[in-house]
PDB file of N, CA and C in Angstrom:
ATOM      1  N   UNK A   1      -5.633  13.296  -1.042  1.00  0.00           N
ATOM      2  CA  UNK A   1      -6.243  12.756  -2.230  1.00  0.00           C
ATOM      3  C   UNK A   1      -7.664  12.332  -1.885  1.00  0.00           C
ATOM      4  N   UNK A   2      -8.618  12.783  -2.667  1.00  0.00           N
ATOM      5  CA  UNK A   2     -10.005  12.434  -2.408  1.00  0.00           C
ATOM      6  C   UNK A   2     -10.444  11.341  -3.364  1.00  0.00           C
ATOM      7  N   UNK A   3     -11.365  10.547  -2.895  1.00  0.00           N
ATOM      8  CA  UNK A   3     -11.895   9.483  -3.734  1.00  0.00           C
ATOM      9  C   UNK A   3     -13.022  10.035  -4.591  1.00  0.00           C
ATOM     10  N   UNK A   4     -13.158   9.487  -5.777  1.00  0.00           N
ATOM     11  CA  UNK A   4     -14.260   9.871  -6.640  1.00  0.00           C
ATOM     12  C   UNK A   4     -15.554   9.289  -6.073  1.00  0.00           C
ATOM     13  N   UNK A   5     -16.664   9.910  -6.414  1.00  0.00           N
ATOM     14  CA  UNK A   5     -17.955   9.433  -5.940  1.00  0.00           C
ATOM     15  C   UNK A   5     -18.220   8.045  -6.518  1.00  0.00           C
ATOM     16  N   UNK A   6     -18.677   7.143  -5.680  1.00  0.00           N
ATOM     17  CA  UNK A   6     -18.949   5.779  -6.113  1.00  0.00           C
ATOM     18  C   UNK A   6     -20.170   5.738  -7.021  1.00  0.00           C
ATOM     19  N   UNK A   7     -20.117   4.864  -8.011  1.00  0.00           N
ATOM     20  CA  UNK A   7     -21.283   4.655  -8.861  1.00  0.00           C
ATOM     21  C   UNK A   7     -22.313   3.853  -8.078  1.00  0.00           C
ATOM     22  N   UNK A   8     -23.507   3.774  -8.606  1.00  0.00           N
ATOM     23  CA  UNK A   8     -24.568   3.029  -7.916  1.00  0.00           C
ATOM     24  C   UNK A   8     -24.186   1.553  -7.778  1.00  0.00           C
ATOM     25  N   UNK A   9     -23.590   0.983  -8.805  1.00  0.00           N
ATOM     26  CA  UNK A   9     -23.172  -0.420  -8.753  1.00  0.00           C
ATOM     27  C   UNK A   9     -22.109  -0.630  -7.673  1.00  0.00           C
ATOM     28  N   UNK A  10     -21.162   0.304  -7.563  1.00  0.00           N
ATOM     29  CA  UNK A  10     -20.123   0.198  -6.530  1.00  0.00           C
ATOM     30  C   UNK A  10     -20.719   0.343  -5.135  1.00  0.00           C
ATOM     31  N   UNK A  11     -21.707   1.238  -5.007  1.00  0.00           N
ATOM     32  CA  UNK A  11     -22.377   1.399  -3.716  1.00  0.00           C
ATOM     33  C   UNK A  11     -23.086   0.115  -3.310  1.00  0.00           C
ATOM     34  N   UNK A  12     -23.801  -0.494  -4.262  1.00  0.00           N
ATOM     35  CA  UNK A  12     -24.520  -1.736  -3.969  1.00  0.00           C
ATOM     36  C   UNK A  12     -23.551  -2.870  -3.628  1.00  0.00           C
ATOM     37  N   UNK A  13     -22.423  -2.930  -4.337  1.00  0.00           N
ATOM     38  CA  UNK A  13     -21.425  -3.962  -4.044  1.00  0.00           C
ATOM     39  C   UNK A  13     -20.856  -3.769  -2.640  1.00  0.00           C
ATOM     40  N   UNK A  14     -20.618  -2.531  -2.258  1.00  0.00           N
ATOM     41  CA  UNK A  14     -20.099  -2.251  -0.909  1.00  0.00           C
ATOM     42  C   UNK A  14     -21.126  -2.624   0.157  1.00  0.00           C
ATOM     43  N   UNK A  15     -22.395  -2.281  -0.081  1.00  0.00           N
ATOM     44  CA  UNK A  15     -23.446  -2.647   0.872  1.00  0.00           C
ATOM     45  C   UNK A  15     -23.550  -4.164   1.012  1.00  0.00           C
ATOM     46  N   UNK A  16     -23.392  -4.858  -0.107  1.00  0.00           N
ATOM     47  CA  UNK A  16     -23.453  -6.328  -0.060  1.00  0.00           C
ATOM     48  C   UNK A  16     -22.297  -6.882   0.774  1.00  0.00           C
ATOM     49  N   UNK A  17     -21.090  -6.338   0.574  1.00  0.00           N
ATOM     50  CA  UNK A  17     -19.934  -6.772   1.374  1.00  0.00           C
ATOM     51  C   UNK A  17     -20.196  -6.561   2.860  1.00  0.00           C
ATOM     52  N   UNK A  18     -20.733  -5.392   3.188  1.00  0.00           N
ATOM     53  CA  UNK A  18     -21.008  -5.070   4.590  1.00  0.00           C
ATOM     54  C   UNK A  18     -22.045  -6.025   5.156  1.00  0.00           C
ATOM     55  N   UNK A  19     -23.102  -6.275   4.390  1.00  0.00           N
ATOM     56  CA  UNK A  19     -24.156  -7.172   4.855  1.00  0.00           C
ATOM     57  C   UNK A  19     -23.619  -8.583   5.080  1.00  0.00           C
ATOM     58  N   UNK A  20     -22.845  -9.095   4.128  1.00  0.00           N
ATOM     59  CA  UNK A  20     -22.284 -10.444   4.264  1.00  0.00           C
ATOM     60  C   UNK A  20     -21.303 -10.529   5.432  1.00  0.00           C
ATOM     61  N   UNK A  21     -20.514  -9.483   5.633  1.00  0.00           N
ATOM     62  CA  UNK A  21     -19.581  -9.455   6.758  1.00  0.00           C
ATOM     63  C   UNK A  21     -20.340  -9.448   8.081  1.00  0.00           C
ATOM     64  N   UNK A  22     -21.434  -8.692   8.127  1.00  0.00           N
ATOM     65  CA  UNK A  22     -22.250  -8.641   9.345  1.00  0.00           C
ATOM     66  C   UNK A  22     -22.855 -10.008   9.646  1.00  0.00           C
ATOM     67  N   UNK A  23     -23.334 -10.686   8.609  1.00  0.00           N
ATOM     68  CA  UNK A  23     -23.898 -12.030   8.809  1.00  0.00           C
ATOM     69  C   UNK A  23     -22.833 -13.027   9.226  1.00  0.00           C
ATOM     70  N   UNK A  24     -21.671 -12.939   8.593  1.00  0.00           N
ATOM     71  CA  UNK A  24     -20.584 -13.885   8.861  1.00  0.00           C
ATOM     72  C   UNK A  24     -20.063 -13.756  10.290  1.00  0.00           C
ATOM     73  N   UNK A  25     -19.911 -12.527  10.760  1.00  0.00           N
ATOM     74  CA  UNK A  25     -19.313 -12.300  12.089  1.00  0.00           C
ATOM     75  C   UNK A  25     -20.346 -12.026  13.172  1.00  0.00           C
ATOM     76  N   UNK A  26     -21.610 -12.041  12.799  1.00  0.00           N
ATOM     77  CA  UNK A  26     -22.710 -11.839  13.745  1.00  0.00           C
ATOM     78  C   UNK A  26     -22.570 -10.512  14.496  1.00  0.00           C
ATOM     79  N   UNK A  27     -22.427  -9.433  13.719  1.00  0.00           N
ATOM     80  CA  UNK A  27     -22.338  -8.086  14.285  1.00  0.00           C
ATOM     81  C   UNK A  27     -23.380  -7.207  13.589  1.00  0.00           C
ATOM     82  N   UNK A  28     -23.570  -6.000  14.109  1.00  0.00           N
ATOM     83  CA  UNK A  28     -24.520  -5.076  13.485  1.00  0.00           C
ATOM     84  C   UNK A  28     -23.933  -4.532  12.182  1.00  0.00           C
ATOM     85  N   UNK A  29     -24.796  -3.913  11.379  1.00  0.00           N
ATOM     86  CA  UNK A  29     -24.330  -3.363  10.104  1.00  0.00           C
ATOM     87  C   UNK A  29     -23.319  -2.241  10.309  1.00  0.00           C
ATOM     88  N   UNK A  30     -23.531  -1.426  11.322  1.00  0.00           N
ATOM     89  CA  UNK A  30     -22.583  -0.345  11.619  1.00  0.00           C
ATOM     90  C   UNK A  30     -21.215  -0.877  12.007  1.00  0.00           C
ATOM     91  N   UNK A  31     -21.209  -1.917  12.845  1.00  0.00           N
ATOM     92  CA  UNK A  31     -19.937  -2.528  13.246  1.00  0.00           C
ATOM     93  C   UNK A  31     -19.263  -3.194  12.054  1.00  0.00           C
ATOM     94  N   UNK A  32     -20.062  -3.818  11.190  1.00  0.00           N
ATOM     95  CA  UNK A  32     -19.502  -4.464  10.004  1.00  0.00           C
ATOM     96  C   UNK A  32     -18.871  -3.432   9.074  1.00  0.00           C
ATOM     97  N   UNK A  33     -19.503  -2.269   8.961  1.00  0.00           N
ATOM     98  CA  UNK A  33     -18.942  -1.210   8.122  1.00  0.00           C
ATOM     99  C   UNK A  33     -17.606  -0.728   8.684  1.00  0.00           C
ATOM    100  N   UNK A  34     -17.523  -0.612  10.008  1.00  0.00           N
ATOM    101  CA  UNK A  34     -16.264  -0.216  10.640  1.00  0.00           C
ATOM    102  C   UNK A  34     -15.194  -1.286  10.442  1.00  0.00           C
ATOM    103  N   UNK A  35     -15.583  -2.556  10.574  1.00  0.00           N
ATOM    104  CA  UNK A  35     -14.626  -3.649  10.358  1.00  0.00           C
ATOM    105  C   UNK A  35     -14.102  -3.642   8.921  1.00  0.00           C
ATOM    106  N   UNK A  36     -15.012  -3.436   7.973  1.00  0.00           N
ATOM    107  CA  UNK A  36     -14.607  -3.413   6.570  1.00  0.00           C
ATOM    108  C   UNK A  36     -13.658  -2.249   6.299  1.00  0.00           C
ATOM    109  N   UNK A  37     -13.958  -1.090   6.862  1.00  0.00           N
ATOM    110  CA  UNK A  37     -13.080   0.073   6.681  1.00  0.00           C
ATOM    111  C   UNK A  37     -11.705  -0.206   7.271  1.00  0.00           C
ATOM    112  N   UNK A  38     -11.667  -0.834   8.439  1.00  0.00           N
ATOM    113  CA  UNK A  38     -10.377  -1.160   9.068  1.00  0.00           C
ATOM    114  C   UNK A  38      -9.594  -2.167   8.234  1.00  0.00           C
ATOM    115  N   UNK A  39     -10.276  -3.197   7.732  1.00  0.00           N
ATOM    116  CA  UNK A  39      -9.599  -4.197   6.906  1.00  0.00           C
ATOM    117  C   UNK A  39      -9.057  -3.578   5.618  1.00  0.00           C
ATOM    118  N   UNK A  40      -9.835  -2.675   5.011  1.00  0.00           N
ATOM    119  CA  UNK A  40      -9.363  -1.999   3.805  1.00  0.00           C
ATOM    120  C   UNK A  40      -8.155  -1.123   4.112  1.00  0.00           C
ATOM    121  N   UNK A  41      -8.175  -0.456   5.259  1.00  0.00           N
ATOM    122  CA  UNK A  41      -7.052   0.392   5.656  1.00  0.00           C
ATOM    123  C   UNK A  41      -5.802  -0.456   5.883  1.00  0.00           C
ATOM    124  N   UNK A  42      -5.961  -1.597   6.570  1.00  0.00           N
ATOM    125  CA  UNK A  42      -4.816  -2.481   6.812  1.00  0.00           C
ATOM    126  C   UNK A  42      -4.246  -3.016   5.501  1.00  0.00           C
ATOM    127  N   UNK A  43      -5.126  -3.371   4.566  1.00  0.00           N
ATOM    128  CA  UNK A  43      -4.662  -3.854   3.264  1.00  0.00           C
ATOM    129  C   UNK A  43      -3.897  -2.756   2.525  1.00  0.00           C
ATOM    130  N   UNK A  44      -4.385  -1.525   2.612  1.00  0.00           N
ATOM    131  CA  UNK A  44      -3.690  -0.405   1.971  1.00  0.00           C
ATOM    132  C   UNK A  44      -2.323  -0.178   2.609  1.00  0.00           C
ATOM    133  N   UNK A  45      -2.230  -0.323   3.928  1.00  0.00           N
ATOM    134  CA  UNK A  45      -0.945  -0.161   4.609  1.00  0.00           C
ATOM    135  C   UNK A  45       0.037  -1.252   4.195  1.00  0.00           C
ATOM    136  N   UNK A  46      -0.453  -2.482   4.030  1.00  0.00           N
ATOM    137  CA  UNK A  46       0.411  -3.574   3.578  1.00  0.00           C
ATOM    138  C   UNK A  46       0.918  -3.323   2.158  1.00  0.00           C
ATOM    139  N   UNK A  47       0.025  -2.825   1.280  1.00  0.00           N
ATOM    140  CA  UNK A  47       0.454  -2.509  -0.088  1.00  0.00           C
ATOM    141  C   UNK A  47       1.497  -1.402  -0.083  1.00  0.00           C
ATOM    142  N   UNK A  48       1.293  -0.391   0.755  1.00  0.00           N
ATOM    143  CA  UNK A  48       2.254   0.709   0.855  1.00  0.00           C
ATOM    144  C   UNK A  48       3.602   0.206   1.367  1.00  0.00           C
ATOM    145  N   UNK A  49       3.566  -0.669   2.351  1.00  0.00           N
ATOM    146  CA  UNK A  49       4.802  -1.233   2.904  1.00  0.00           C
ATOM    147  C   UNK A  49       5.554  -2.031   1.836  1.00  0.00           C
ATOM    148  N   UNK A  50       4.822  -2.828   1.060  1.00  0.00           N
ATOM    149  CA  UNK A  50       5.453  -3.614  -0.002  1.00  0.00           C
ATOM    150  C   UNK A  50       6.017  -2.709  -1.089  1.00  0.00           C
ATOM    151  N   UNK A  51       5.293  -1.650  -1.417  1.00  0.00           N
ATOM    152  CA  UNK A  51       5.764  -0.707  -2.433  1.00  0.00           C
ATOM    153  C   UNK A  51       7.047  -0.034  -1.982  1.00  0.00           C
ATOM    154  N   UNK A  52       7.078   0.395  -0.744  1.00  0.00           N
ATOM    155  CA  UNK A  52       8.287   1.041  -0.223  1.00  0.00           C
ATOM    156  C   UNK A  52       9.447   0.055  -0.146  1.00  0.00           C
ATOM    157  N   UNK A  53       9.156  -1.199   0.167  1.00  0.00           N
ATOM    158  CA  UNK A  53      10.210  -2.207   0.266  1.00  0.00           C
ATOM    159  C   UNK A  53      10.840  -2.488  -1.093  1.00  0.00           C
ATOM    160  N   UNK A  54      10.097  -2.299  -2.157  1.00  0.00           N
ATOM    161  CA  UNK A  54      10.618  -2.550  -3.500  1.00  0.00           C
ATOM    162  C   UNK A  54      11.270  -1.319  -4.109  1.00  0.00           C
ATOM    163  N   UNK A  55      11.214  -0.209  -3.415  1.00  0.00           N
ATOM    164  CA  UNK A  55      11.734   1.043  -3.957  1.00  0.00           C
ATOM    165  C   UNK A  55      13.245   1.132  -3.940  1.00  0.00           C
ATOM    166  N   UNK A  56      13.755   2.183  -4.553  1.00  0.00           N
ATOM    167  CA  UNK A  56      15.191   2.386  -4.687  1.00  0.00           C
ATOM    168  C   UNK A  56      15.855   2.651  -3.338  1.00  0.00           C
ATOM    169  N   UNK A  57      15.179   3.367  -2.447  1.00  0.00           N
ATOM    170  CA  UNK A  57      15.793   3.683  -1.158  1.00  0.00           C
ATOM    171  C   UNK A  57      15.999   2.424  -0.335  1.00  0.00           C
ATOM    172  N   UNK A  58      15.050   1.508  -0.408  1.00  0.00           N
ATOM    173  CA  UNK A  58      15.182   0.258   0.331  1.00  0.00           C
ATOM    174  C   UNK A  58      16.356  -0.550  -0.217  1.00  0.00           C
ATOM    175  N   UNK A  59      16.454  -0.639  -1.536  1.00  0.00           N
ATOM    176  CA  UNK A  59      17.546  -1.388  -2.151  1.00  0.00           C
ATOM    177  C   UNK A  59      18.887  -0.748  -1.824  1.00  0.00           C
ATOM    178  N   UNK A  60      18.950   0.570  -1.835  1.00  0.00           N
ATOM    179  CA  UNK A  60      20.203   1.260  -1.526  1.00  0.00           C
ATOM    180  C   UNK A  60      20.634   0.974  -0.092  1.00  0.00           C
ATOM    181  N   UNK A  61      19.681   0.956   0.832  1.00  0.00           N
ATOM    182  CA  UNK A  61      20.019   0.661   2.225  1.00  0.00           C
ATOM    183  C   UNK A  61      20.540  -0.764   2.363  1.00  0.00           C
ATOM    184  N   UNK A  62      19.941  -1.698   1.637  1.00  0.00           N
ATOM    185  CA  UNK A  62      20.377  -3.085   1.720  1.00  0.00           C
ATOM    186  C   UNK A  62      21.792  -3.241   1.167  1.00  0.00           C
ATOM    187  N   UNK A  63      22.066  -2.598   0.046  1.00  0.00           N
ATOM    188  CA  UNK A  63      23.390  -2.693  -0.568  1.00  0.00           C
ATOM    189  C   UNK A  63      24.433  -2.029   0.322  1.00  0.00           C
ATOM    190  N   UNK A  64      24.110  -0.842   0.811  1.00  0.00           N
ATOM    191  CA  UNK A  64      25.059  -0.097   1.631  1.00  0.00           C
ATOM    192  C   UNK A  64      25.362  -0.834   2.931  1.00  0.00           C
ATOM    193  N   UNK A  65      24.371  -1.498   3.479  1.00  0.00           N
ATOM    194  CA  UNK A  65      24.554  -2.185   4.750  1.00  0.00           C
ATOM    195  C   UNK A  65      25.580  -3.302   4.680  1.00  0.00           C
ATOM    196  N   UNK A  66      25.698  -3.972   3.532  1.00  0.00           N
ATOM    197  CA  UNK A  66      26.596  -5.112   3.447  1.00  0.00           C
ATOM    198  C   UNK A  66      27.949  -4.814   2.837  1.00  0.00           C
ATOM    199  N   UNK A  67      28.130  -3.640   2.273  1.00  0.00           N
ATOM    200  CA  UNK A  67      29.387  -3.328   1.593  1.00  0.00           C
ATOM    201  C   UNK A  67      30.430  -2.826   2.582  1.00  0.00           C
ATOM    202  N   UNK A  68      31.689  -3.208   2.369  1.00  0.00           N
ATOM    203  CA  UNK A  68      32.748  -2.650   3.212  1.00  0.00           C
ATOM    204  C   UNK A  68      32.808  -1.138   3.037  1.00  0.00           C
ATOM    205  N   UNK A  69      33.291  -0.452   4.026  1.00  0.00           N
ATOM    206  CA  UNK A  69      33.279   1.014   4.046  1.00  0.00           C
ATOM    207  C   UNK A  69      34.005   1.611   2.835  1.00  0.00           C
ATOM    208  N   UNK A  70      35.118   1.048   2.414  1.00  0.00           N
ATOM    209  CA  UNK A  70      35.887   1.654   1.321  1.00  0.00           C
ATOM    210  C   UNK A  70      35.189   1.520  -0.039  1.00  0.00           C
ATOM    211  N   UNK A  71      34.234   0.589  -0.164  1.00  0.00           N
ATOM    212  CA  UNK A  71      33.534   0.417  -1.434  1.00  0.00           C
ATOM    213  C   UNK A  71      32.216   1.184  -1.509  1.00  0.00           C
ATOM    214  N   UNK A  72      31.858   1.871  -0.458  1.00  0.00           N
ATOM    215  CA  UNK A  72      30.596   2.612  -0.462  1.00  0.00           C
ATOM    216  C   UNK A  72      30.765   3.933  -1.196  1.00  0.00           C
ATOM    217  N   UNK A  73      29.782   4.296  -1.973  1.00  0.00           N
ATOM    218  CA  UNK A  73      29.782   5.582  -2.659  1.00  0.00           C
ATOM    219  C   UNK A  73      28.335   6.034  -2.833  1.00  0.00           C
ATOM    220  N   UNK A  74      28.171   7.330  -2.989  1.00  0.00           N
ATOM    221  CA  UNK A  74      26.841   7.895  -3.170  1.00  0.00           C
ATOM    222  C   UNK A  74      26.582   8.128  -4.650  1.00  0.00           C
ATOM    223  N   UNK A  75      25.438   7.706  -5.103  1.00  0.00           N
ATOM    224  CA  UNK A  75      25.036   7.980  -6.478  1.00  0.00           C
ATOM    225  C   UNK A  75      24.274   9.292  -6.460  1.00  0.00           C
ATOM    226  N   UNK A  76      24.774  10.266  -7.196  1.00  0.00           N
ATOM    227  CA  UNK A  76      24.113  11.559  -7.260  1.00  0.00           C
ATOM    228  C   UNK A  76      22.945  11.470  -8.224  1.00  0.00           C
ATOM    229  N   UNK A  77      22.067  12.449  -8.192  1.00  0.00           N
ATOM    230  CA  UNK A  77      20.883  12.537  -9.055  1.00  0.00           C
ATOM    231  C   UNK A  77      20.905  11.716 -10.320  1.00  0.00           C
ATOM    232  N   UNK A  78      20.618  12.322 -11.442  1.00  0.00           N
ATOM    233  CA  UNK A  78      20.607  11.625 -12.719  1.00  0.00           C
ATOM    234  C   UNK A  78      21.926  11.874 -13.435  1.00  0.00           C
ATOM    235  N   UNK A  79      22.868  11.025 -13.221  1.00  0.00           N
ATOM    236  CA  UNK A  79      24.162  11.134 -13.890  1.00  0.00           C
ATOM    237  C   UNK A  79      23.986  10.745 -15.362  1.00  0.00           C
ATOM    238  N   UNK A  80      24.827  11.290 -16.260  1.00  0.00           N
ATOM    239  CA  UNK A  80      24.684  10.975 -17.693  1.00  0.00           C
ATOM    240  C   UNK A  80      24.761   9.479 -17.983  1.00  0.00           C
ATOM    241  N   UNK A  81      25.605   8.752 -17.256  1.00  0.00           N
ATOM    242  CA  UNK A  81      25.737   7.330 -17.524  1.00  0.00           C
ATOM    243  C   UNK A  81      24.529   6.538 -17.048  1.00  0.00           C
ATOM    244  N   UNK A  82      23.621   7.193 -16.306  1.00  0.00           N
ATOM    245  CA  UNK A  82      22.415   6.508 -15.848  1.00  0.00           C
ATOM    246  C   UNK A  82      21.253   6.711 -16.815  1.00  0.00           C
ATOM    247  N   UNK A  83      21.422   7.614 -17.779  1.00  0.00           N
ATOM    248  CA  UNK A  83      20.332   7.911 -18.700  1.00  0.00           C
ATOM    249  C   UNK A  83      20.098   6.739 -19.646  1.00  0.00           C
ATOM    250  N   UNK A  84      18.853   6.555 -19.982  1.00  0.00           N
ATOM    251  CA  UNK A  84      18.508   5.493 -20.927  1.00  0.00           C
ATOM    252  C   UNK A  84      18.316   6.086 -22.309  1.00  0.00           C
ATOM    253  N   UNK A  85      18.481   5.256 -23.318  1.00  0.00           N
ATOM    254  CA  UNK A  85      18.300   5.723 -24.707  1.00  0.00           C
ATOM    255  C   UNK A  85      16.847   5.959 -24.988  1.00  0.00           C
TER     256      UNK A  85
END
């Protein structure tokens, strides 16, 4: 997935973030840009982890893990009783 080209306002906002980060941490602008990219990547990974944790597969694993063996069953695709009106 590619990102759309940033508008001029978005570019200026990003440059401002980089400049403020460089001043705050006393690093060069290039290092600040790398730090910002890393922080954005880590934030994206945390969001992805939270999204996956809230998904159906995570819930199914949690339910299956605690149920006695005789009560476990597999839910197949879209069964008619699962359809919504």
